[in-house]
N, C-alpha and C. Protein backbone atom coordinates (compact mmCIF):
# COMPACT_ATOMS: atom_id res chain seq x y z
N MET A 1 107.70 123.42 184.33
CA MET A 1 108.07 122.24 184.43
C MET A 1 107.57 121.40 185.51
N ASN A 2 107.46 122.16 186.74
CA ASN A 2 106.90 121.20 188.04
C ASN A 2 105.57 121.53 188.14
N LYS A 3 104.71 122.03 187.20
CA LYS A 3 103.59 122.30 187.40
C LYS A 3 102.74 120.91 187.44
N PRO A 4 101.75 120.51 188.31
CA PRO A 4 100.90 119.47 188.35
C PRO A 4 100.19 119.04 187.11
N TRP A 5 100.29 117.81 186.47
CA TRP A 5 99.36 117.67 185.67
C TRP A 5 97.92 117.53 185.79
N LYS A 6 96.99 117.56 185.02
CA LYS A 6 95.61 117.10 185.63
C LYS A 6 95.35 116.16 185.99
N ASN A 7 95.82 114.78 185.07
CA ASN A 7 95.67 113.50 184.90
C ASN A 7 97.43 112.84 185.38
N PRO A 8 97.34 112.34 186.30
CA PRO A 8 98.66 111.83 186.83
C PRO A 8 98.89 110.42 185.79
N VAL A 9 99.69 109.74 185.88
CA VAL A 9 100.11 108.69 185.21
C VAL A 9 100.72 107.75 186.29
N ILE A 10 100.20 106.61 186.57
CA ILE A 10 100.47 105.60 187.73
C ILE A 10 101.55 104.43 186.87
N LEU A 11 102.77 104.17 187.14
CA LEU A 11 103.46 103.29 186.44
C LEU A 11 104.11 102.05 187.25
N ALA A 12 104.29 100.89 187.12
CA ALA A 12 104.74 99.72 187.93
C ALA A 12 106.45 100.09 187.74
N LEU A 13 106.96 100.89 188.34
CA LEU A 13 108.17 101.62 188.03
C LEU A 13 108.97 101.09 189.87
N GLY A 14 108.18 101.28 190.34
CA GLY A 14 108.82 101.08 191.84
C GLY A 14 109.36 99.85 192.03
N GLU A 15 110.22 99.84 193.60
CA GLU A 15 110.43 98.49 193.60
C GLU A 15 109.76 97.45 193.89
N ASP A 16 110.00 96.20 193.63
CA ASP A 16 109.09 95.11 193.58
C ASP A 16 107.88 95.29 192.49
N GLY A 17 107.90 96.12 191.53
CA GLY A 17 106.94 96.49 190.63
C GLY A 17 105.83 97.39 191.31
N GLY A 18 106.07 97.86 192.37
CA GLY A 18 105.31 98.87 193.15
C GLY A 18 104.71 100.11 192.39
N ASP A 19 103.82 100.57 192.61
CA ASP A 19 103.19 101.90 191.64
C ASP A 19 103.98 102.98 192.15
N VAL A 20 104.40 103.86 191.05
CA VAL A 20 104.90 105.24 191.13
C VAL A 20 104.01 106.25 190.26
N THR A 21 103.40 107.17 190.94
CA THR A 21 102.57 108.35 190.35
C THR A 21 103.41 109.36 189.90
N ILE A 22 103.62 109.48 188.41
CA ILE A 22 104.20 110.65 188.04
C ILE A 22 103.10 111.46 187.50
N ASP A 23 103.59 112.92 188.03
CA ASP A 23 102.29 113.85 188.12
C ASP A 23 102.89 115.30 187.50
N THR A 24 104.47 115.51 187.19
CA THR A 24 104.79 116.46 186.52
C THR A 24 105.82 116.27 185.35
N THR A 25 106.06 117.21 184.71
CA THR A 25 106.88 116.80 183.65
C THR A 25 108.22 116.71 184.06
N GLU A 26 108.68 117.31 185.12
CA GLU A 26 109.97 117.08 185.90
C GLU A 26 110.17 115.58 186.26
N ALA A 27 108.93 115.10 187.03
CA ALA A 27 109.15 113.73 187.36
C ALA A 27 109.32 112.75 186.19
N ALA A 28 108.69 112.74 185.25
CA ALA A 28 108.50 112.29 184.00
C ALA A 28 109.89 112.36 183.29
N SER A 29 110.38 113.33 183.31
CA SER A 29 112.03 113.53 182.71
C SER A 29 112.88 112.69 183.73
N TRP A 30 112.82 112.69 185.38
CA TRP A 30 113.61 112.05 186.04
C TRP A 30 113.51 110.51 185.84
N ALA A 31 112.00 110.06 185.64
CA ALA A 31 111.83 108.65 185.49
C ALA A 31 112.38 108.20 184.53
N MET A 32 112.39 108.81 183.44
CA MET A 32 113.03 108.27 182.04
C MET A 32 114.28 108.18 182.18
N ILE A 33 115.07 109.00 182.89
CA ILE A 33 116.33 109.09 183.11
C ILE A 33 116.93 108.09 184.00
N GLU A 34 116.31 107.97 185.15
CA GLU A 34 116.98 107.39 186.00
C GLU A 34 116.41 105.69 186.51
N ASP A 35 114.87 105.84 186.00
CA ASP A 35 114.30 104.38 186.10
C ASP A 35 113.72 103.51 185.39
N TRP A 36 114.23 103.72 183.95
CA TRP A 36 113.32 103.33 182.81
C TRP A 36 114.12 102.14 182.41
N PRO A 37 113.11 101.13 182.33
CA PRO A 37 113.84 99.77 181.87
C PRO A 37 114.87 99.57 180.39
N THR A 38 114.43 100.84 179.75
CA THR A 38 115.11 100.51 178.30
C THR A 38 116.27 101.78 178.20
N GLU A 39 117.07 102.12 177.39
CA GLU A 39 118.29 103.15 177.35
C GLU A 39 117.64 103.79 176.12
N ASP A 40 117.30 103.19 175.02
CA ASP A 40 116.76 103.75 173.93
C ASP A 40 115.67 103.83 173.16
N GLY A 41 115.11 104.23 172.44
CA GLY A 41 113.51 103.78 171.79
C GLY A 41 113.27 105.17 171.17
N PRO A 42 112.67 105.27 169.83
CA PRO A 42 112.08 106.56 169.29
C PRO A 42 111.13 107.41 170.19
N ALA A 43 110.24 106.34 170.81
CA ALA A 43 109.30 107.27 171.74
C ALA A 43 110.00 107.96 173.01
N LEU A 44 111.06 106.91 173.55
CA LEU A 44 111.61 107.61 174.89
C LEU A 44 112.59 108.74 174.51
N ASP A 45 113.12 108.67 173.40
CA ASP A 45 113.88 109.91 172.68
C ASP A 45 112.95 111.01 172.63
N ARG A 46 112.08 110.76 171.97
CA ARG A 46 111.03 111.95 171.52
C ARG A 46 110.40 112.44 172.81
N ALA A 47 110.03 111.63 174.16
CA ALA A 47 109.45 112.11 175.37
C ALA A 47 110.55 112.99 175.62
N LEU A 48 111.92 112.49 176.00
CA LEU A 48 112.77 113.39 176.37
C LEU A 48 113.16 114.71 175.91
N LEU A 49 112.71 114.96 174.56
CA LEU A 49 113.01 115.98 173.89
C LEU A 49 111.59 117.01 173.88
N VAL A 50 110.53 116.46 174.13
CA VAL A 50 109.13 116.91 174.49
C VAL A 50 109.67 117.62 175.68
N CYS A 51 109.91 116.77 176.97
CA CYS A 51 110.24 117.48 178.23
C CYS A 51 110.90 118.83 178.25
N ALA A 52 112.20 118.80 177.51
CA ALA A 52 113.13 119.66 177.55
C ALA A 52 112.26 120.80 176.87
N ALA A 53 111.41 120.70 175.58
CA ALA A 53 110.92 121.65 175.27
C ALA A 53 110.01 122.31 175.74
N VAL A 54 109.07 121.62 177.04
CA VAL A 54 108.36 122.25 178.02
C VAL A 54 109.05 123.09 178.90
N GLN A 55 110.42 122.54 179.18
CA GLN A 55 111.02 123.55 179.77
C GLN A 55 111.66 124.87 179.25
N ALA A 56 111.72 124.61 178.00
CA ALA A 56 111.98 125.93 177.27
C ALA A 56 110.76 126.62 176.74
N GLY A 57 109.60 126.38 177.21
CA GLY A 57 108.29 127.02 177.02
C GLY A 57 107.63 126.95 175.45
N LYS A 58 108.30 125.86 174.98
CA LYS A 58 107.80 125.33 173.57
C LYS A 58 106.97 124.32 173.31
N LYS A 59 106.56 123.45 174.30
CA LYS A 59 105.50 122.79 174.46
C LYS A 59 104.82 122.73 175.60
N THR A 60 103.60 122.24 175.77
CA THR A 60 102.79 122.15 176.97
C THR A 60 103.02 120.85 177.85
N ASP A 61 102.48 120.91 179.08
CA ASP A 61 102.75 119.90 179.87
C ASP A 61 101.90 118.54 179.52
N GLU A 62 100.81 119.08 178.65
CA GLU A 62 100.09 117.93 178.24
C GLU A 62 100.61 117.34 177.30
N ASP A 63 101.57 117.94 176.43
CA ASP A 63 102.29 117.26 175.50
C ASP A 63 103.31 116.32 176.06
N ALA A 64 103.83 116.47 177.00
CA ALA A 64 104.79 115.94 177.85
C ALA A 64 104.17 114.68 178.42
N ARG A 65 103.20 114.77 178.79
CA ARG A 65 102.00 113.52 179.42
C ARG A 65 102.30 112.60 178.21
N GLN A 66 101.31 113.01 177.28
CA GLN A 66 101.17 112.05 176.05
C GLN A 66 102.56 111.33 175.58
N ALA A 67 103.62 112.24 175.57
CA ALA A 67 104.75 111.84 174.92
C ALA A 67 105.34 110.58 176.05
N PHE A 68 105.27 110.97 177.26
CA PHE A 68 105.51 110.07 178.25
C PHE A 68 105.01 108.83 178.39
N ILE A 69 103.81 108.70 178.13
CA ILE A 69 102.64 107.56 177.93
C ILE A 69 103.29 106.97 176.89
N ALA A 70 103.64 107.31 175.55
CA ALA A 70 103.98 106.63 174.37
C ALA A 70 105.11 105.98 174.69
N ALA A 71 106.44 106.61 175.65
CA ALA A 71 107.48 105.82 175.57
C ALA A 71 107.39 105.09 177.06
N ALA A 72 106.24 104.77 177.63
CA ALA A 72 105.94 103.85 178.77
C ALA A 72 105.33 102.54 178.01
N VAL A 73 104.31 102.84 176.83
CA VAL A 73 104.05 101.93 175.96
C VAL A 73 105.11 101.08 175.34
N GLU A 74 106.08 101.85 174.48
CA GLU A 74 107.07 101.48 174.01
C GLU A 74 107.81 100.45 174.96
N ALA A 75 108.24 100.99 176.20
CA ALA A 75 109.19 100.25 177.07
C ALA A 75 107.98 98.94 177.52
N GLY A 76 106.98 98.80 177.47
CA GLY A 76 106.48 97.66 177.81
C GLY A 76 105.92 97.62 179.64
N ILE A 77 106.33 99.15 179.95
CA ILE A 77 105.89 99.42 181.36
C ILE A 77 104.08 99.18 181.78
N ALA A 78 103.81 98.68 182.75
CA ALA A 78 102.35 98.63 182.96
C ALA A 78 102.21 99.97 183.68
N MET A 79 100.61 100.41 183.04
CA MET A 79 100.56 101.97 183.24
C MET A 79 98.80 101.95 183.68
N LYS A 80 98.56 102.74 184.79
CA LYS A 80 97.32 103.25 184.93
C LYS A 80 97.31 104.69 184.46
N LYS A 81 96.28 105.16 183.64
CA LYS A 81 96.37 106.60 183.41
C LYS A 81 95.13 107.35 183.36
């Protein structure tokens, strides 16, 4: 769950809209739990479930990365991928 992603995702989630680089499934999980601008949504819920499935060995880190990107799009977060 803490293995680096091949392609990090850079989001405007930092203080004053600064960029934050998310490069592991664990970092993605924490970002969605702690820093996300919305508390619910289908893509967010799915991304959190996929991250948990990665930890259980049932999904890949790339699955988590793609679900995380979908959740960021849903939340309207500016991103570079």
